[in-house]
């Protein structure tokens, strides 16, 4: 997976927020449309820190609260990732699998 510089992300996000279509900006810059949409939503939710690379470890209680919020509000993994500032939405899928297999102790 390619890592993108936060300045590059910000440039593209600003183009979208200025009225350019996300699809057009994505094609022009050789990135996936869904990636750019995620950057735009993350920027709208968290500002510039939402575009920064972040490597985090989350404790079991945090993971459980994310899973409960997904269930309570009917959020997608992507929506929850943006809401909670989780960079890898795939992590949430793994948390679900672990939780269903072994409960909170598996998280």
N, C-alpha and C. Protein backbone atom coordinates (compact mmCIF):
# COMPACT_ATOMS: atom_id res chain seq x y z
N UNK A 1 0.84 -1.18 0.00
CA UNK A 1 0.00 0.00 0.00
C UNK A 1 0.89 1.24 0.00
N UNK A 2 0.58 2.17 -0.87
CA UNK A 2 1.34 3.41 -0.97
C UNK A 2 0.96 4.34 0.17
N UNK A 3 1.96 4.98 0.75
CA UNK A 3 1.72 5.98 1.77
C UNK A 3 1.81 7.35 1.12
N UNK A 4 0.87 8.20 1.42
CA UNK A 4 0.83 9.53 0.83
C UNK A 4 1.19 10.57 1.87
N UNK A 5 1.93 11.55 1.44
CA UNK A 5 2.35 12.66 2.28
C UNK A 5 1.14 13.49 2.69
N UNK A 6 1.07 13.94 3.94
CA UNK A 6 -0.07 14.76 4.37
C UNK A 6 -0.26 16.03 3.54
N UNK A 7 0.82 16.62 3.05
CA UNK A 7 0.70 17.82 2.22
C UNK A 7 -0.01 17.50 0.90
N UNK A 8 0.31 16.35 0.33
CA UNK A 8 -0.35 15.89 -0.90
C UNK A 8 -1.84 15.66 -0.64
N UNK A 9 -2.14 15.01 0.46
CA UNK A 9 -3.53 14.75 0.81
C UNK A 9 -4.30 16.06 0.97
N UNK A 10 -3.69 17.02 1.67
CA UNK A 10 -4.35 18.30 1.91
C UNK A 10 -4.62 19.03 0.60
N UNK A 11 -3.65 19.00 -0.31
CA UNK A 11 -3.82 19.66 -1.60
C UNK A 11 -5.04 19.10 -2.33
N UNK A 12 -5.17 17.79 -2.36
CA UNK A 12 -6.29 17.15 -3.04
C UNK A 12 -7.61 17.40 -2.33
N UNK A 13 -7.59 17.33 -1.02
CA UNK A 13 -8.81 17.60 -0.24
C UNK A 13 -9.29 19.02 -0.49
N UNK A 14 -8.39 19.97 -0.50
CA UNK A 14 -8.78 21.37 -0.73
C UNK A 14 -9.38 21.55 -2.12
N UNK A 15 -8.86 20.82 -3.10
CA UNK A 15 -9.44 20.89 -4.45
C UNK A 15 -10.89 20.41 -4.42
N UNK A 16 -11.13 19.34 -3.70
CA UNK A 16 -12.49 18.80 -3.59
C UNK A 16 -13.41 19.76 -2.85
N UNK A 17 -12.91 20.32 -1.77
CA UNK A 17 -13.73 21.25 -0.98
C UNK A 17 -13.99 22.55 -1.72
N UNK A 18 -13.14 22.86 -2.70
CA UNK A 18 -13.33 24.07 -3.51
C UNK A 18 -14.31 23.83 -4.65
N UNK A 19 -14.79 22.60 -4.78
CA UNK A 19 -15.82 22.33 -5.78
C UNK A 19 -15.46 21.33 -6.85
N UNK A 20 -14.22 20.91 -6.93
CA UNK A 20 -13.85 19.89 -7.92
C UNK A 20 -14.43 18.54 -7.49
N UNK A 21 -14.77 17.72 -8.46
CA UNK A 21 -15.33 16.41 -8.12
C UNK A 21 -14.24 15.50 -7.57
N UNK A 22 -14.61 14.69 -6.59
CA UNK A 22 -13.62 13.77 -6.02
C UNK A 22 -13.16 12.78 -7.07
N UNK A 23 -14.06 12.36 -7.94
CA UNK A 23 -13.67 11.42 -8.98
C UNK A 23 -12.65 12.04 -9.92
N UNK A 24 -12.90 13.27 -10.35
CA UNK A 24 -11.98 13.96 -11.25
C UNK A 24 -10.61 14.18 -10.63
N UNK A 25 -10.59 14.62 -9.38
CA UNK A 25 -9.33 14.86 -8.68
C UNK A 25 -8.59 13.54 -8.49
N UNK A 26 -9.31 12.49 -8.16
CA UNK A 26 -8.68 11.18 -7.95
C UNK A 26 -8.04 10.66 -9.24
N UNK A 27 -8.79 10.71 -10.34
CA UNK A 27 -8.27 10.23 -11.62
C UNK A 27 -7.06 11.05 -12.04
N UNK A 28 -7.15 12.35 -11.93
CA UNK A 28 -6.06 13.25 -12.33
C UNK A 28 -4.78 12.96 -11.55
N UNK A 29 -4.91 12.51 -10.30
CA UNK A 29 -3.74 12.29 -9.45
C UNK A 29 -3.39 10.81 -9.27
N UNK A 30 -4.10 9.94 -9.96
CA UNK A 30 -3.77 8.52 -9.95
C UNK A 30 -4.00 7.81 -8.63
N UNK A 31 -5.06 8.21 -7.94
CA UNK A 31 -5.40 7.54 -6.68
C UNK A 31 -6.84 7.04 -6.76
N UNK A 32 -7.19 6.17 -5.86
CA UNK A 32 -8.55 5.65 -5.83
C UNK A 32 -9.55 6.68 -5.33
N UNK A 33 -10.72 6.67 -5.94
CA UNK A 33 -11.79 7.59 -5.57
C UNK A 33 -12.19 7.43 -4.11
N UNK A 34 -12.29 6.19 -3.64
CA UNK A 34 -12.73 5.95 -2.26
C UNK A 34 -11.69 6.44 -1.25
N UNK A 35 -10.41 6.35 -1.62
CA UNK A 35 -9.35 6.86 -0.73
C UNK A 35 -9.51 8.36 -0.55
N UNK A 36 -9.72 9.06 -1.66
CA UNK A 36 -9.87 10.51 -1.60
C UNK A 36 -11.12 10.89 -0.81
N UNK A 37 -12.20 10.17 -1.00
CA UNK A 37 -13.41 10.46 -0.21
C UNK A 37 -13.14 10.30 1.28
N UNK A 38 -12.38 9.26 1.63
CA UNK A 38 -12.04 9.03 3.04
C UNK A 38 -11.21 10.19 3.58
N UNK A 39 -10.25 10.68 2.78
CA UNK A 39 -9.44 11.81 3.23
C UNK A 39 -10.30 13.05 3.45
N UNK A 40 -11.24 13.30 2.54
CA UNK A 40 -12.12 14.47 2.67
C UNK A 40 -12.94 14.37 3.95
N UNK A 41 -13.55 13.21 4.19
CA UNK A 41 -14.36 13.04 5.41
C UNK A 41 -13.51 13.15 6.66
N UNK A 42 -12.32 12.58 6.62
CA UNK A 42 -11.43 12.64 7.78
C UNK A 42 -11.01 14.08 8.05
N UNK A 43 -10.73 14.83 7.00
CA UNK A 43 -10.35 16.24 7.16
C UNK A 43 -11.53 17.04 7.71
N UNK A 44 -12.73 16.78 7.22
CA UNK A 44 -13.90 17.50 7.71
C UNK A 44 -14.17 17.19 9.18
N UNK A 45 -13.90 15.96 9.59
CA UNK A 45 -14.16 15.55 10.97
C UNK A 45 -13.05 16.00 11.93
N UNK A 46 -11.79 15.90 11.50
CA UNK A 46 -10.66 16.10 12.41
C UNK A 46 -9.70 17.22 12.02
N UNK A 47 -9.93 17.86 10.88
CA UNK A 47 -9.01 18.90 10.43
C UNK A 47 -7.70 18.29 9.94
N UNK A 48 -6.65 19.08 9.94
CA UNK A 48 -5.35 18.64 9.44
C UNK A 48 -4.84 17.37 10.12
N UNK A 49 -5.01 17.20 11.44
CA UNK A 49 -4.56 15.94 12.06
C UNK A 49 -5.22 14.70 11.45
N UNK A 50 -6.38 14.86 10.86
CA UNK A 50 -7.05 13.74 10.23
C UNK A 50 -6.34 13.21 9.00
N UNK A 51 -5.40 14.00 8.47
CA UNK A 51 -4.65 13.57 7.29
C UNK A 51 -3.27 13.05 7.63
N UNK A 52 -2.86 13.22 8.86
CA UNK A 52 -1.51 12.80 9.27
C UNK A 52 -1.45 11.29 9.45
N UNK A 53 -0.28 10.75 9.20
CA UNK A 53 -0.07 9.33 9.49
C UNK A 53 -0.07 9.16 10.99
N UNK A 54 -0.74 8.14 11.41
CA UNK A 54 -0.83 7.90 12.84
C UNK A 54 -0.78 6.40 13.09
N UNK A 55 0.08 6.02 13.97
CA UNK A 55 0.21 4.62 14.32
C UNK A 55 -0.17 4.50 15.78
N UNK A 56 -1.19 3.74 16.03
CA UNK A 56 -1.69 3.67 17.40
C UNK A 56 -1.99 2.24 17.79
N UNK A 57 -1.91 2.03 19.08
CA UNK A 57 -2.37 0.78 19.68
C UNK A 57 -3.55 1.17 20.55
N UNK A 58 -4.59 0.40 20.44
CA UNK A 58 -5.81 0.71 21.16
C UNK A 58 -6.06 -0.36 22.22
N UNK A 59 -6.49 0.08 23.40
CA UNK A 59 -6.76 -0.89 24.46
C UNK A 59 -8.13 -1.55 24.23
N UNK A 60 -8.36 -2.63 24.95
CA UNK A 60 -9.58 -3.42 24.77
C UNK A 60 -10.84 -2.60 25.03
N UNK A 61 -10.81 -1.73 26.02
CA UNK A 61 -12.00 -0.93 26.34
C UNK A 61 -12.34 0.02 25.20
N UNK A 62 -11.32 0.63 24.59
CA UNK A 62 -11.55 1.52 23.45
C UNK A 62 -12.17 0.72 22.29
N UNK A 63 -11.59 -0.44 22.00
CA UNK A 63 -12.10 -1.28 20.91
C UNK A 63 -13.56 -1.65 21.16
N UNK A 64 -13.86 -2.02 22.39
CA UNK A 64 -15.23 -2.39 22.74
C UNK A 64 -16.17 -1.20 22.57
N UNK A 65 -15.75 -0.02 22.96
CA UNK A 65 -16.61 1.16 22.82
C UNK A 65 -16.87 1.47 21.34
N UNK A 66 -15.87 1.24 20.49
CA UNK A 66 -16.07 1.43 19.05
C UNK A 66 -17.10 0.42 18.53
N UNK A 67 -16.94 -0.83 18.91
CA UNK A 67 -17.87 -1.87 18.45
C UNK A 67 -19.29 -1.62 18.95
N UNK A 68 -19.42 -1.14 20.18
CA UNK A 68 -20.74 -0.83 20.73
C UNK A 68 -21.38 0.33 19.98
N UNK A 69 -20.59 1.33 19.64
CA UNK A 69 -21.11 2.49 18.91
C UNK A 69 -21.56 2.09 17.51
N UNK A 70 -20.80 1.20 16.88
CA UNK A 70 -21.18 0.70 15.55
C UNK A 70 -22.54 0.02 15.64
N UNK A 71 -22.70 -0.83 16.63
CA UNK A 71 -23.96 -1.56 16.82
C UNK A 71 -25.10 -0.61 17.17
N UNK A 72 -24.85 0.31 18.08
CA UNK A 72 -25.88 1.24 18.57
C UNK A 72 -26.38 2.17 17.47
N UNK A 73 -25.45 2.73 16.69
CA UNK A 73 -25.81 3.75 15.70
C UNK A 73 -25.88 3.22 14.27
N UNK A 74 -25.59 1.93 14.08
CA UNK A 74 -25.62 1.36 12.74
C UNK A 74 -24.55 1.93 11.82
N UNK A 75 -23.39 2.21 12.39
CA UNK A 75 -22.30 2.80 11.61
C UNK A 75 -21.58 1.73 10.78
N UNK A 76 -21.05 2.15 9.65
CA UNK A 76 -20.16 1.27 8.90
C UNK A 76 -18.78 1.33 9.56
N UNK A 77 -17.92 0.39 9.21
CA UNK A 77 -16.56 0.42 9.76
C UNK A 77 -15.86 1.72 9.37
N UNK A 78 -16.09 2.16 8.14
CA UNK A 78 -15.45 3.39 7.67
C UNK A 78 -15.95 4.60 8.45
N UNK A 79 -17.25 4.68 8.69
CA UNK A 79 -17.80 5.79 9.46
C UNK A 79 -17.23 5.80 10.87
N UNK A 80 -17.14 4.63 11.48
CA UNK A 80 -16.59 4.54 12.84
C UNK A 80 -15.12 4.93 12.86
N UNK A 81 -14.38 4.51 11.84
CA UNK A 81 -12.96 4.86 11.78
C UNK A 81 -12.77 6.37 11.72
N UNK A 82 -13.59 7.03 10.94
CA UNK A 82 -13.50 8.49 10.84
C UNK A 82 -13.92 9.14 12.16
N UNK A 83 -15.02 8.68 12.73
CA UNK A 83 -15.53 9.25 13.97
C UNK A 83 -14.54 9.13 15.12
N UNK A 84 -13.87 7.98 15.22
CA UNK A 84 -12.95 7.73 16.33
C UNK A 84 -11.50 8.03 15.99
N UNK A 85 -11.23 8.50 14.76
CA UNK A 85 -9.85 8.82 14.38
C UNK A 85 -8.97 7.59 14.22
N UNK A 86 -9.55 6.49 13.79
CA UNK A 86 -8.80 5.25 13.58
C UNK A 86 -8.35 5.24 12.13
N UNK A 87 -7.06 5.15 11.92
CA UNK A 87 -6.53 5.25 10.56
C UNK A 87 -6.85 4.04 9.69
N UNK A 88 -6.85 2.87 10.25
CA UNK A 88 -7.09 1.67 9.46
C UNK A 88 -8.45 1.08 9.74
N UNK A 89 -9.40 1.32 8.85
CA UNK A 89 -10.74 0.79 9.08
C UNK A 89 -10.73 -0.73 9.08
N UNK A 90 -9.72 -1.35 8.46
CA UNK A 90 -9.63 -2.81 8.48
C UNK A 90 -9.41 -3.34 9.89
N UNK A 91 -8.83 -2.52 10.75
CA UNK A 91 -8.63 -2.91 12.14
C UNK A 91 -9.97 -3.22 12.80
N UNK A 92 -10.97 -2.45 12.47
CA UNK A 92 -12.29 -2.63 13.09
C UNK A 92 -12.87 -3.99 12.72
N UNK A 93 -12.70 -4.39 11.47
CA UNK A 93 -13.16 -5.71 11.06
C UNK A 93 -12.48 -6.82 11.84
N UNK A 94 -11.19 -6.64 12.09
CA UNK A 94 -10.44 -7.61 12.88
C UNK A 94 -10.94 -7.63 14.32
N UNK A 95 -11.24 -6.45 14.88
CA UNK A 95 -11.77 -6.38 16.25
C UNK A 95 -13.10 -7.12 16.34
N UNK A 96 -13.95 -6.95 15.32
CA UNK A 96 -15.24 -7.64 15.31
C UNK A 96 -15.03 -9.15 15.33
N UNK A 97 -14.13 -9.62 14.48
CA UNK A 97 -13.86 -11.05 14.40
C UNK A 97 -13.37 -11.58 15.74
N UNK A 98 -12.41 -10.86 16.34
CA UNK A 98 -11.86 -11.28 17.63
C UNK A 98 -12.93 -11.28 18.72
N UNK A 99 -13.74 -10.23 18.75
CA UNK A 99 -14.77 -10.11 19.78
C UNK A 99 -15.79 -11.24 19.67
N UNK A 100 -16.21 -11.53 18.45
CA UNK A 100 -17.20 -12.60 18.26
C UNK A 100 -16.62 -13.97 18.59
N UNK A 101 -15.31 -14.11 18.41
CA UNK A 101 -14.66 -15.40 18.69
C UNK A 101 -14.39 -15.60 20.18
N UNK A 102 -14.04 -14.51 20.89
CA UNK A 102 -13.63 -14.70 22.28
C UNK A 102 -14.04 -13.63 23.26
N UNK A 103 -14.93 -12.73 22.87
CA UNK A 103 -15.37 -11.69 23.80
C UNK A 103 -14.32 -10.64 24.05
N UNK A 104 -14.51 -9.84 25.09
CA UNK A 104 -13.62 -8.72 25.37
C UNK A 104 -12.19 -9.18 25.66
N UNK A 105 -12.02 -10.36 26.22
CA UNK A 105 -10.67 -10.84 26.51
C UNK A 105 -9.85 -11.08 25.25
N UNK A 106 -10.52 -11.32 24.13
CA UNK A 106 -9.82 -11.54 22.87
C UNK A 106 -9.34 -10.24 22.24
N UNK A 107 -9.92 -9.12 22.68
CA UNK A 107 -9.52 -7.83 22.13
C UNK A 107 -8.19 -7.41 22.72
